[in-house]
Amino acid sequence: MTSDQLVAAVRRFNRTVTQRVGALDDAYMARGRPLAQARVLWEIGPGGSEVAALRARLGLDSGHLSRLLRALEHDGLVTVGPSDQVGGDGRVRVATLTDAGRAEWSELDRRSDEFASSILSPLSARRRERLVAAMAEVERLLVASMVVIAPCPPGDPRARACTRAYAREVARRFDDGFDPSRSNPVHDEDLVPPAGLFLLATLNGEAVGCGAVKLHHDAPAEIKRVWVADTVRGLGVGRRMLGELERHAAARGWTAVRLDTNRNLTEAIAMYRAAGYREIEPYNTEHYAHHWFEKRLTP
């Protein structure tokens, strides 16, 4: 299919889904409020939610979410105020369901089950299985399309959290654990332009992956710290990260990129080989490395 045909197919799918799920109705689930308000109410849930987390989860700007919350407060379903946790930050605003809000949430839950059943009931058993399987695949691909990969300072708290997660994972998987003092150091100043680049992958504002490249003056560029969270593993995020790092190096004139890895990281090794990396002789003395790879780049 051409690019125009692909775009047309996505738009056609979007129109069908918005009509079928009732996104165009002013009274979603016949509850007297539009889908956006119902979705915010659902996401707050019986346990409440920090407003900032709610905004990130739903991908809404502050003004739009504030208007939705005010409408729900006006209806007596929600209260918004500072966190009451002991020792918590008083500046953190939390949305909480009132008794009426919890009753409305339960009714939405019941009607949502009924609505899902109404989609499945006209279909044969075989077609139901096909529809649910297709929905699961569409959901996975949509989540993959929502992952944003962008430059990030290596000292950013989210970047630090990712590198700590990377260290915990390799410590669990390496034969003799992982002691950073025995590994070749990677300094922050090596991962900021023009010396290099650190990329952060986020999903709804939450960090879910990272990767970096060092641009050596007298040698090929070097990929470091590629890590992807379990929540998005298998969605192609690692391969996208690798491609972005390669493009950054190529755009700055490097004609080759290389990396080292441990024999226990079998998924990473498979990804590197599938991405066109070939195994080479050791180019460093990394204590934890068993394989060294290189790939030629097209500027």
C-alpha atoms as a PDB file:
ATOM      1  CA  MET A   1       0.000   0.000   0.000  1.00  0.00           C
ATOM      2  CA  THR A   2       1.134   3.554  -0.687  1.00  0.00           C
ATOM      3  CA  SER A   3       1.543   6.102   2.094  1.00  0.00           C
ATOM      4  CA  ASP A   4      -1.719   7.808   1.076  1.00  0.00           C
ATOM      5  CA  GLN A   5      -3.580   4.477   1.169  1.00  0.00           C
ATOM      6  CA  LEU A   6      -2.210   3.701   4.627  1.00  0.00           C
ATOM      7  CA  VAL A   7      -3.303   7.092   5.945  1.00  0.00           C
ATOM      8  CA  ALA A   8      -6.761   6.662   4.396  1.00  0.00           C
ATOM      9  CA  ALA A   9      -7.122   3.229   6.022  1.00  0.00           C
ATOM     10  CA  VAL A  10      -6.217   4.627   9.458  1.00  0.00           C
ATOM     11  CA  ARG A  11      -8.730   7.456   9.076  1.00  0.00           C
ATOM     12  CA  ARG A  12     -11.457   5.023   8.003  1.00  0.00           C
ATOM     13  CA  PHE A  13     -10.719   2.826  11.032  1.00  0.00           C
ATOM     14  CA  ASN A  14     -10.835   5.867  13.333  1.00  0.00           C
ATOM     15  CA  ARG A  15     -14.248   6.911  12.001  1.00  0.00           C
ATOM     16  CA  THR A  16     -15.680   3.425  12.504  1.00  0.00           C
ATOM     17  CA  VAL A  17     -14.332   3.121  16.039  1.00  0.00           C
ATOM     18  CA  THR A  18     -15.448   6.563  17.204  1.00  0.00           C
ATOM     19  CA  GLN A  19     -18.969   5.838  15.974  1.00  0.00           C
ATOM     20  CA  ARG A  20     -19.110   2.335  17.434  1.00  0.00           C
ATOM     21  CA  VAL A  21     -17.813   3.248  20.889  1.00  0.00           C
ATOM     22  CA  GLY A  22     -20.104   6.251  21.186  1.00  0.00           C
ATOM     23  CA  ALA A  23     -17.406   8.918  21.208  1.00  0.00           C
ATOM     24  CA  LEU A  24     -19.737  11.259  19.289  1.00  0.00           C
ATOM     25  CA  ASP A  25     -22.567  11.016  21.818  1.00  0.00           C
ATOM     26  CA  ASP A  26     -23.214  13.925  24.180  1.00  0.00           C
ATOM     27  CA  ALA A  27     -24.381  11.462  26.815  1.00  0.00           C
ATOM     28  CA  TYR A  28     -21.908   8.576  26.891  1.00  0.00           C
ATOM     29  CA  MET A  29     -23.452   5.333  28.178  1.00  0.00           C
ATOM     30  CA  ALA A  30     -26.686   7.347  28.620  1.00  0.00           C
ATOM     31  CA  ARG A  31     -25.229   8.933  31.763  1.00  0.00           C
ATOM     32  CA  GLY A  32     -25.758  12.574  30.766  1.00  0.00           C
ATOM     33  CA  ARG A  33     -22.084  13.454  30.219  1.00  0.00           C
ATOM     34  CA  PRO A  34     -19.703  13.188  27.235  1.00  0.00           C
ATOM     35  CA  LEU A  35     -17.063  10.495  26.861  1.00  0.00           C
ATOM     36  CA  ALA A  36     -14.220  12.757  28.009  1.00  0.00           C
ATOM     37  CA  GLN A  37     -15.821  13.359  31.408  1.00  0.00           C
ATOM     38  CA  ALA A  38     -16.711   9.679  31.793  1.00  0.00           C
ATOM     39  CA  ARG A  39     -13.135   8.664  30.970  1.00  0.00           C
ATOM     40  CA  VAL A  40     -11.653  11.076  33.524  1.00  0.00           C
ATOM     41  CA  LEU A  41     -14.080   9.790  36.164  1.00  0.00           C
ATOM     42  CA  TRP A  42     -13.067   6.215  35.332  1.00  0.00           C
ATOM     43  CA  GLU A  43      -9.342   6.973  35.471  1.00  0.00           C
ATOM     44  CA  ILE A  44      -9.646   8.652  38.874  1.00  0.00           C
ATOM     45  CA  GLY A  45     -11.210   5.445  40.189  1.00  0.00           C
ATOM     46  CA  PRO A  46     -12.164   4.528  43.748  1.00  0.00           C
ATOM     47  CA  GLY A  47      -8.567   4.996  44.914  1.00  0.00           C
ATOM     48  CA  GLY A  48      -8.200   8.544  43.592  1.00  0.00           C
ATOM     49  CA  SER A  49      -5.373   9.875  41.425  1.00  0.00           C
ATOM     50  CA  GLU A  50      -2.819  12.658  41.429  1.00  0.00           C
ATOM     51  CA  VAL A  51      -3.865  15.260  38.869  1.00  0.00           C
ATOM     52  CA  ALA A  52      -0.411  15.288  37.253  1.00  0.00           C
ATOM     53  CA  ALA A  53      -0.499  11.507  36.820  1.00  0.00           C
ATOM     54  CA  LEU A  54      -4.020  11.749  35.419  1.00  0.00           C
ATOM     55  CA  ARG A  55      -2.897  14.347  32.908  1.00  0.00           C
ATOM     56  CA  ALA A  56       0.051  12.231  31.765  1.00  0.00           C
ATOM     57  CA  ARG A  57      -1.998   9.029  31.565  1.00  0.00           C
ATOM     58  CA  LEU A  58      -4.696  10.612  29.409  1.00  0.00           C
ATOM     59  CA  GLY A  59      -2.393  12.862  27.389  1.00  0.00           C
ATOM     60  CA  LEU A  60      -4.421  15.994  28.213  1.00  0.00           C
ATOM     61  CA  ASP A  61      -3.157  19.542  28.614  1.00  0.00           C
ATOM     62  CA  SER A  62      -3.645  21.227  31.981  1.00  0.00           C
ATOM     63  CA  GLY A  63      -6.416  23.560  30.839  1.00  0.00           C
ATOM     64  CA  HIS A  64      -8.544  20.823  29.272  1.00  0.00           C
ATOM     65  CA  LEU A  65      -8.195  18.519  32.279  1.00  0.00           C
ATOM     66  CA  SER A  66      -9.028  21.386  34.665  1.00  0.00           C
ATOM     67  CA  ARG A  67     -12.252  22.062  32.770  1.00  0.00           C
ATOM     68  CA  LEU A  68     -13.226  18.391  32.878  1.00  0.00           C
ATOM     69  CA  LEU A  69     -12.506  18.175  36.606  1.00  0.00           C
ATOM     70  CA  ARG A  70     -14.483  21.337  37.321  1.00  0.00           C
ATOM     71  CA  ALA A  71     -17.489  19.881  35.488  1.00  0.00           C
ATOM     72  CA  LEU A  72     -17.263  16.695  37.565  1.00  0.00           C
ATOM     73  CA  GLU A  73     -16.858  18.753  40.760  1.00  0.00           C
ATOM     74  CA  HIS A  74     -19.927  20.803  39.807  1.00  0.00           C
ATOM     75  CA  ASP A  75     -21.889  17.545  39.517  1.00  0.00           C
ATOM     76  CA  GLY A  76     -20.744  16.514  42.998  1.00  0.00           C
ATOM     77  CA  LEU A  77     -18.780  13.493  41.729  1.00  0.00           C
ATOM     78  CA  VAL A  78     -15.205  14.600  42.376  1.00  0.00           C
ATOM     79  CA  THR A  79     -13.205  16.694  44.808  1.00  0.00           C
ATOM     80  CA  VAL A  80      -9.780  18.119  43.979  1.00  0.00           C
ATOM     81  CA  GLY A  81      -7.373  19.250  46.681  1.00  0.00           C
ATOM     82  CA  PRO A  82      -3.892  18.871  48.140  1.00  0.00           C
ATOM     83  CA  SER A  83      -2.612  15.423  49.051  1.00  0.00           C
ATOM     84  CA  ASP A  84      -3.432  14.415  52.619  1.00  0.00           C
ATOM     85  CA  GLN A  85      -0.682  11.806  52.868  1.00  0.00           C
ATOM     86  CA  VAL A  86       1.499  12.167  55.951  1.00  0.00           C
ATOM     87  CA  GLY A  87       4.776  13.769  54.909  1.00  0.00           C
ATOM     88  CA  GLY A  88       3.472  14.299  51.381  1.00  0.00           C
ATOM     89  CA  ASP A  89       4.048  17.360  49.223  1.00  0.00           C
ATOM     90  CA  GLY A  90       1.197  19.790  49.880  1.00  0.00           C
ATOM     91  CA  ARG A  91       1.593  21.175  46.360  1.00  0.00           C
ATOM     92  CA  VAL A  92       0.514  17.852  44.837  1.00  0.00           C
ATOM     93  CA  ARG A  93      -3.156  18.011  43.846  1.00  0.00           C
ATOM     94  CA  VAL A  94      -5.244  14.845  44.095  1.00  0.00           C
ATOM     95  CA  ALA A  95      -8.620  14.069  42.523  1.00  0.00           C
ATOM     96  CA  THR A  96     -10.898  11.873  44.654  1.00  0.00           C
ATOM     97  CA  LEU A  97     -14.347  10.440  44.007  1.00  0.00           C
ATOM     98  CA  THR A  98     -17.166  11.439  46.336  1.00  0.00           C
ATOM     99  CA  ASP A  99     -19.737   8.865  47.471  1.00  0.00           C
ATOM    100  CA  ALA A 100     -21.863   9.896  44.486  1.00  0.00           C
ATOM    101  CA  GLY A 101     -18.772   9.616  42.278  1.00  0.00           C
ATOM    102  CA  ARG A 102     -18.041   6.082  43.464  1.00  0.00           C
ATOM    103  CA  ALA A 103     -21.647   5.095  42.756  1.00  0.00           C
ATOM    104  CA  GLU A 104     -21.368   6.628  39.269  1.00  0.00           C
ATOM    105  CA  TRP A 105     -18.046   4.814  38.700  1.00  0.00           C
ATOM    106  CA  SER A 106     -19.692   1.485  39.589  1.00  0.00           C
ATOM    107  CA  GLU A 107     -22.567   2.197  37.214  1.00  0.00           C
ATOM    108  CA  LEU A 108     -20.131   3.063  34.414  1.00  0.00           C
ATOM    109  CA  ASP A 109     -18.287  -0.176  35.112  1.00  0.00           C
ATOM    110  CA  ARG A 110     -21.512  -2.189  34.823  1.00  0.00           C
ATOM    111  CA  ARG A 111     -22.639  -0.426  31.650  1.00  0.00           C
ATOM    112  CA  SER A 112     -19.186  -0.783  30.089  1.00  0.00           C
ATOM    113  CA  ASP A 113     -19.409  -4.554  30.546  1.00  0.00           C
ATOM    114  CA  GLU A 114     -22.838  -4.539  28.952  1.00  0.00           C
ATOM    115  CA  PHE A 115     -21.592  -2.399  26.056  1.00  0.00           C
ATOM    116  CA  ALA A 116     -18.629  -4.720  25.421  1.00  0.00           C
ATOM    117  CA  SER A 117     -21.011  -7.667  25.412  1.00  0.00           C
ATOM    118  CA  SER A 118     -23.223  -5.872  22.875  1.00  0.00           C
ATOM    119  CA  ILE A 119     -20.253  -5.651  20.494  1.00  0.00           C
ATOM    120  CA  LEU A 120     -19.502  -9.353  20.826  1.00  0.00           C
ATOM    121  CA  SER A 121     -23.017 -10.816  20.955  1.00  0.00           C
ATOM    122  CA  PRO A 122     -23.957 -10.390  17.223  1.00  0.00           C
ATOM    123  CA  LEU A 123     -20.850 -12.358  16.218  1.00  0.00           C
ATOM    124  CA  SER A 124     -20.266 -16.088  16.103  1.00  0.00           C
ATOM    125  CA  ALA A 125     -17.863 -17.603  18.621  1.00  0.00           C
ATOM    126  CA  ARG A 126     -15.120 -17.793  16.002  1.00  0.00           C
ATOM    127  CA  ARG A 127     -15.575 -14.173  14.969  1.00  0.00           C
ATOM    128  CA  ARG A 128     -15.536 -13.055  18.605  1.00  0.00           C
ATOM    129  CA  GLU A 129     -12.135 -14.702  19.030  1.00  0.00           C
ATOM    130  CA  ARG A 130     -10.922 -13.033  15.825  1.00  0.00           C
ATOM    131  CA  LEU A 131     -12.182  -9.611  16.947  1.00  0.00           C
ATOM    132  CA  VAL A 132     -10.612  -9.842  20.413  1.00  0.00           C
ATOM    133  CA  ALA A 133      -7.297 -11.057  18.960  1.00  0.00           C
ATOM    134  CA  ALA A 134      -7.334  -8.216  16.426  1.00  0.00           C
ATOM    135  CA  MET A 135      -8.114  -5.701  19.178  1.00  0.00           C
ATOM    136  CA  ALA A 136      -5.172  -6.963  21.223  1.00  0.00           C
ATOM    137  CA  GLU A 137      -2.846  -6.555  18.243  1.00  0.00           C
ATOM    138  CA  VAL A 138      -4.180  -3.078  17.463  1.00  0.00           C
ATOM    139  CA  GLU A 139      -3.733  -2.090  21.106  1.00  0.00           C
ATOM    140  CA  ARG A 140      -0.106  -3.264  21.089  1.00  0.00           C
ATOM    141  CA  LEU A 141       0.654  -1.365  17.893  1.00  0.00           C
ATOM    142  CA  LEU A 142      -1.092   1.781  19.113  1.00  0.00           C
ATOM    143  CA  VAL A 143       0.898   1.679  22.349  1.00  0.00           C
ATOM    144  CA  ALA A 144       4.078   1.291  20.287  1.00  0.00           C
ATOM    145  CA  SER A 145       3.107   4.372  18.248  1.00  0.00           C
ATOM    146  CA  MET A 146       2.596   6.358  21.468  1.00  0.00           C
ATOM    147  CA  VAL A 147       6.178   5.851  22.666  1.00  0.00           C
ATOM    148  CA  VAL A 148       8.148   9.072  22.207  1.00  0.00           C
ATOM    149  CA  ILE A 149      11.952   8.968  21.832  1.00  0.00           C
ATOM    150  CA  ALA A 150      13.723  12.279  22.375  1.00  0.00           C
ATOM    151  CA  PRO A 151      17.067  13.681  23.575  1.00  0.00           C
ATOM    152  CA  CYS A 152      17.401  14.034  27.326  1.00  0.00           C
ATOM    153  CA  PRO A 153      20.252  15.228  29.576  1.00  0.00           C
ATOM    154  CA  PRO A 154      21.873  12.150  31.167  1.00  0.00           C
ATOM    155  CA  GLY A 155      21.574  13.830  34.566  1.00  0.00           C
ATOM    156  CA  ASP A 156      17.784  14.175  34.303  1.00  0.00           C
ATOM    157  CA  PRO A 157      16.034  12.180  37.083  1.00  0.00           C
ATOM    158  CA  ARG A 158      14.187  10.107  34.476  1.00  0.00           C
ATOM    159  CA  ALA A 159      17.441   9.288  32.709  1.00  0.00           C
ATOM    160  CA  ARG A 160      19.027   8.344  36.029  1.00  0.00           C
ATOM    161  CA  ALA A 161      16.073   6.066  36.811  1.00  0.00           C
ATOM    162  CA  CYS A 162      16.503   4.298  33.464  1.00  0.00           C
ATOM    163  CA  THR A 163      20.237   3.753  33.899  1.00  0.00           C
ATOM    164  CA  ARG A 164      19.604   2.359  37.394  1.00  0.00           C
ATOM    165  CA  ALA A 165      16.991  -0.001  35.930  1.00  0.00           C
ATOM    166  CA  TYR A 166      19.516  -1.020  33.257  1.00  0.00           C
ATOM    167  CA  ALA A 167      22.116  -1.759  35.956  1.00  0.00           C
ATOM    168  CA  ARG A 168      19.622  -3.803  37.992  1.00  0.00           C
ATOM    169  CA  GLU A 169      18.668  -5.884  34.966  1.00  0.00           C
ATOM    170  CA  VAL A 170      22.216  -6.676  33.859  1.00  0.00           C
ATOM    171  CA  ALA A 171      23.171  -7.463  37.451  1.00  0.00           C
ATOM    172  CA  ARG A 172      20.381 -10.039  37.487  1.00  0.00           C
ATOM    173  CA  ARG A 173      21.292 -11.548  34.128  1.00  0.00           C
ATOM    174  CA  PHE A 174      25.097 -11.525  34.053  1.00  0.00           C
ATOM    175  CA  ASP A 175      26.810 -14.691  35.282  1.00  0.00           C
ATOM    176  CA  ASP A 176      28.810 -12.854  37.942  1.00  0.00           C
ATOM    177  CA  GLY A 177      26.456  -9.948  38.582  1.00  0.00           C
ATOM    178  CA  PHE A 178      27.353  -6.384  37.722  1.00  0.00           C
ATOM    179  CA  ASP A 179      29.816  -4.169  39.566  1.00  0.00           C
ATOM    180  CA  PRO A 180      29.986  -0.713  37.927  1.00  0.00           C
ATOM    181  CA  SER A 181      33.539  -0.248  39.203  1.00  0.00           C
ATOM    182  CA  ARG A 182      34.680  -3.169  37.021  1.00  0.00           C
ATOM    183  CA  SER A 183      32.966  -1.828  33.906  1.00  0.00           C
ATOM    184  CA  ASN A 184      34.377   0.814  31.562  1.00  0.00           C
ATOM    185  CA  PRO A 185      32.958   4.128  32.825  1.00  0.00           C
ATOM    186  CA  VAL A 186      30.461   6.198  30.846  1.00  0.00           C
ATOM    187  CA  HIS A 187      30.583   9.845  31.912  1.00  0.00           C
ATOM    188  CA  ASP A 188      27.690  12.281  31.538  1.00  0.00           C
ATOM    189  CA  GLU A 189      29.835  14.708  29.571  1.00  0.00           C
ATOM    190  CA  ASP A 190      30.390  11.974  26.949  1.00  0.00           C
ATOM    191  CA  LEU A 191      26.628  11.771  26.310  1.00  0.00           C
ATOM    192  CA  VAL A 192      25.795  15.390  25.558  1.00  0.00           C
ATOM    193  CA  PRO A 193      26.328  17.182  22.210  1.00  0.00           C
ATOM    194  CA  PRO A 194      28.734  17.445  20.561  1.00  0.00           C
ATOM    195  CA  ALA A 195      30.446  14.548  22.350  1.00  0.00           C
ATOM    196  CA  GLY A 196      27.422  12.265  22.172  1.00  0.00           C
ATOM    197  CA  LEU A 197      23.715  11.923  22.832  1.00  0.00           C
ATOM    198  CA  PHE A 198      21.409  10.371  25.435  1.00  0.00           C
ATOM    199  CA  LEU A 199      17.889   9.417  24.300  1.00  0.00           C
ATOM    200  CA  LEU A 200      14.912   8.763  26.559  1.00  0.00           C
ATOM    201  CA  ALA A 201      11.809   6.794  25.557  1.00  0.00           C
ATOM    202  CA  THR A 202       8.572   7.795  27.282  1.00  0.00           C
ATOM    203  CA  LEU A 203       5.007   6.498  27.244  1.00  0.00           C
ATOM    204  CA  ASN A 204       2.392   8.899  28.611  1.00  0.00           C
ATOM    205  CA  GLY A 205       5.210  10.816  30.277  1.00  0.00           C
ATOM    206  CA  GLU A 206       6.676   7.749  31.994  1.00  0.00           C
ATOM    207  CA  ALA A 207      10.251   6.747  31.142  1.00  0.00           C
ATOM    208  CA  VAL A 208      10.272   3.299  29.509  1.00  0.00           C
ATOM    209  CA  GLY A 209      13.664   3.090  27.810  1.00  0.00           C
ATOM    210  CA  CYS A 210      16.966   4.746  27.071  1.00  0.00           C
ATOM    211  CA  GLY A 211      20.031   4.579  24.879  1.00  0.00           C
ATOM    212  CA  ALA A 212      23.164   6.608  24.217  1.00  0.00           C
ATOM    213  CA  VAL A 213      25.893   7.082  21.657  1.00  0.00           C
ATOM    214  CA  LYS A 214      29.450   8.350  22.144  1.00  0.00           C
ATOM    215  CA  LEU A 215      31.034  10.121  19.174  1.00  0.00           C
ATOM    216  CA  HIS A 216      34.724   9.265  19.413  1.00  0.00           C
ATOM    217  CA  HIS A 217      37.000  11.636  17.476  1.00  0.00           C
ATOM    218  CA  ASP A 218      39.358   8.964  16.193  1.00  0.00           C
ATOM    219  CA  ALA A 219      37.137   5.855  16.088  1.00  0.00           C
ATOM    220  CA  PRO A 220      33.637   4.664  15.170  1.00  0.00           C
ATOM    221  CA  ALA A 221      30.737   5.937  17.241  1.00  0.00           C
ATOM    222  CA  GLU A 222      29.789   3.687  20.170  1.00  0.00           C
ATOM    223  CA  ILE A 223      26.311   2.649  21.354  1.00  0.00           C
ATOM    224  CA  LYS A 224      25.840   2.460  25.125  1.00  0.00           C
ATOM    225  CA  ARG A 225      23.112   1.722  27.693  1.00  0.00           C
ATOM    226  CA  VAL A 226      20.289   0.544  25.436  1.00  0.00           C
ATOM    227  CA  TRP A 227      17.507  -0.552  27.793  1.00  0.00           C
ATOM    228  CA  VAL A 228      13.731  -1.044  27.426  1.00  0.00           C
ATOM    229  CA  ALA A 229      11.220  -1.600  30.229  1.00  0.00           C
ATOM    230  CA  ASP A 230       9.253  -4.840  30.409  1.00  0.00           C
ATOM    231  CA  THR A 231       6.021  -2.874  29.879  1.00  0.00           C
ATOM    232  CA  VAL A 232       6.966  -2.050  26.255  1.00  0.00           C
ATOM    233  CA  ARG A 233       9.254  -4.945  25.425  1.00  0.00           C
ATOM    234  CA  GLY A 234       8.406  -6.622  22.135  1.00  0.00           C
ATOM    235  CA  LEU A 235       6.969  -3.407  20.648  1.00  0.00           C
ATOM    236  CA  GLY A 236      10.057  -2.493  18.637  1.00  0.00           C
ATOM    237  CA  VAL A 237      11.131   0.299  20.999  1.00  0.00           C
ATOM    238  CA  GLY A 238      14.682  -1.029  21.297  1.00  0.00           C
ATOM    239  CA  ARG A 239      15.059  -1.196  17.525  1.00  0.00           C
ATOM    240  CA  ARG A 240      13.708   2.343  17.163  1.00  0.00           C
ATOM    241  CA  MET A 241      16.131   3.542  19.824  1.00  0.00           C
ATOM    242  CA  LEU A 242      19.028   1.886  18.016  1.00  0.00           C
ATOM    243  CA  GLY A 243      17.983   3.454  14.709  1.00  0.00           C
ATOM    244  CA  GLU A 244      17.748   6.949  16.212  1.00  0.00           C
ATOM    245  CA  LEU A 245      21.243   6.637  17.693  1.00  0.00           C
ATOM    246  CA  GLU A 246      22.618   5.416  14.371  1.00  0.00           C
ATOM    247  CA  ARG A 247      20.985   8.317  12.511  1.00  0.00           C
ATOM    248  CA  HIS A 248      22.435  10.820  14.976  1.00  0.00           C
ATOM    249  CA  ALA A 249      25.939   9.459  14.412  1.00  0.00           C
ATOM    250  CA  ALA A 250      25.525   9.289  10.631  1.00  0.00           C
ATOM    251  CA  ALA A 251      24.156  12.840  10.441  1.00  0.00           C
ATOM    252  CA  ARG A 252      27.334  14.068  12.116  1.00  0.00           C
ATOM    253  CA  GLY A 253      29.611  12.318   9.670  1.00  0.00           C
ATOM    254  CA  TRP A 254      30.397   9.010  11.358  1.00  0.00           C
ATOM    255  CA  THR A 255      30.544   6.092   8.930  1.00  0.00           C
ATOM    256  CA  ALA A 256      30.492   3.260  11.468  1.00  0.00           C
ATOM    257  CA  VAL A 257      29.056   2.469  14.869  1.00  0.00           C
ATOM    258  CA  ARG A 258      29.985  -0.326  17.240  1.00  0.00           C
ATOM    259  CA  LEU A 259      29.041  -1.786  20.600  1.00  0.00           C
ATOM    260  CA  ASP A 260      29.854  -4.533  23.051  1.00  0.00           C
ATOM    261  CA  THR A 261      27.452  -6.832  24.885  1.00  0.00           C
ATOM    262  CA  ASN A 262      27.233  -9.746  27.271  1.00  0.00           C
ATOM    263  CA  ARG A 263      26.468 -13.291  26.078  1.00  0.00           C
ATOM    264  CA  ASN A 264      23.426 -13.519  28.361  1.00  0.00           C
ATOM    265  CA  LEU A 265      21.632 -10.634  26.629  1.00  0.00           C
ATOM    266  CA  THR A 266      20.376 -12.930  23.889  1.00  0.00           C
ATOM    267  CA  GLU A 267      17.470 -10.706  22.816  1.00  0.00           C
ATOM    268  CA  ALA A 268      19.822  -7.746  22.363  1.00  0.00           C
ATOM    269  CA  ILE A 269      22.281  -9.849  20.378  1.00  0.00           C
ATOM    270  CA  ALA A 270      19.467 -11.015  18.088  1.00  0.00           C
ATOM    271  CA  MET A 271      18.309  -7.409  17.618  1.00  0.00           C
ATOM    272  CA  TYR A 272      21.812  -6.213  16.729  1.00  0.00           C
ATOM    273  CA  ARG A 273      22.280  -8.964  14.170  1.00  0.00           C
ATOM    274  CA  ALA A 274      18.852  -8.325  12.644  1.00  0.00           C
ATOM    275  CA  ALA A 275      19.716  -4.619  12.433  1.00  0.00           C
ATOM    276  CA  GLY A 276      22.792  -5.331  10.315  1.00  0.00           C
ATOM    277  CA  TYR A 277      25.560  -5.496  12.889  1.00  0.00           C
ATOM    278  CA  ARG A 278      28.390  -7.944  12.254  1.00  0.00           C
ATOM    279  CA  GLU A 279      30.575  -9.467  14.940  1.00  0.00           C
ATOM    280  CA  ILE A 280      34.147  -8.158  15.120  1.00  0.00           C
ATOM    281  CA  GLU A 281      37.265  -8.679  17.200  1.00  0.00           C
ATOM    282  CA  PRO A 282      37.278  -7.037  20.656  1.00  0.00           C
ATOM    283  CA  TYR A 283      37.930  -3.305  20.413  1.00  0.00           C
ATOM    284  CA  ASN A 284      38.032  -2.649  24.170  1.00  0.00           C
ATOM    285  CA  THR A 285      38.723  -4.365  27.506  1.00  0.00           C
ATOM    286  CA  GLU A 286      35.171  -4.243  28.874  1.00  0.00           C
ATOM    287  CA  HIS A 287      35.070  -6.788  31.717  1.00  0.00           C
ATOM    288  CA  TYR A 288      31.483  -7.887  31.051  1.00  0.00           C
ATOM    289  CA  ALA A 289      31.645  -8.106  27.247  1.00  0.00           C
ATOM    290  CA  HIS A 290      31.666 -11.377  25.290  1.00  0.00           C
ATOM    291  CA  HIS A 291      30.597 -10.047  21.880  1.00  0.00           C
ATOM    292  CA  TRP A 292      31.657  -6.952  19.919  1.00  0.00           C
ATOM    293  CA  PHE A 293      29.671  -5.681  16.939  1.00  0.00           C
ATOM    294  CA  GLU A 294      30.039  -3.046  14.227  1.00  0.00           C
ATOM    295  CA  LYS A 295      27.748  -1.601  11.572  1.00  0.00           C
ATOM    296  CA  ARG A 296      28.589   0.592   8.604  1.00  0.00           C
ATOM    297  CA  LEU A 297      26.515   3.780   8.353  1.00  0.00           C
ATOM    298  CA  THR A 298      25.364   5.775   5.376  1.00  0.00           C
ATOM    299  CA  PRO A 299      25.884   9.518   5.998  1.00  0.00           C
END
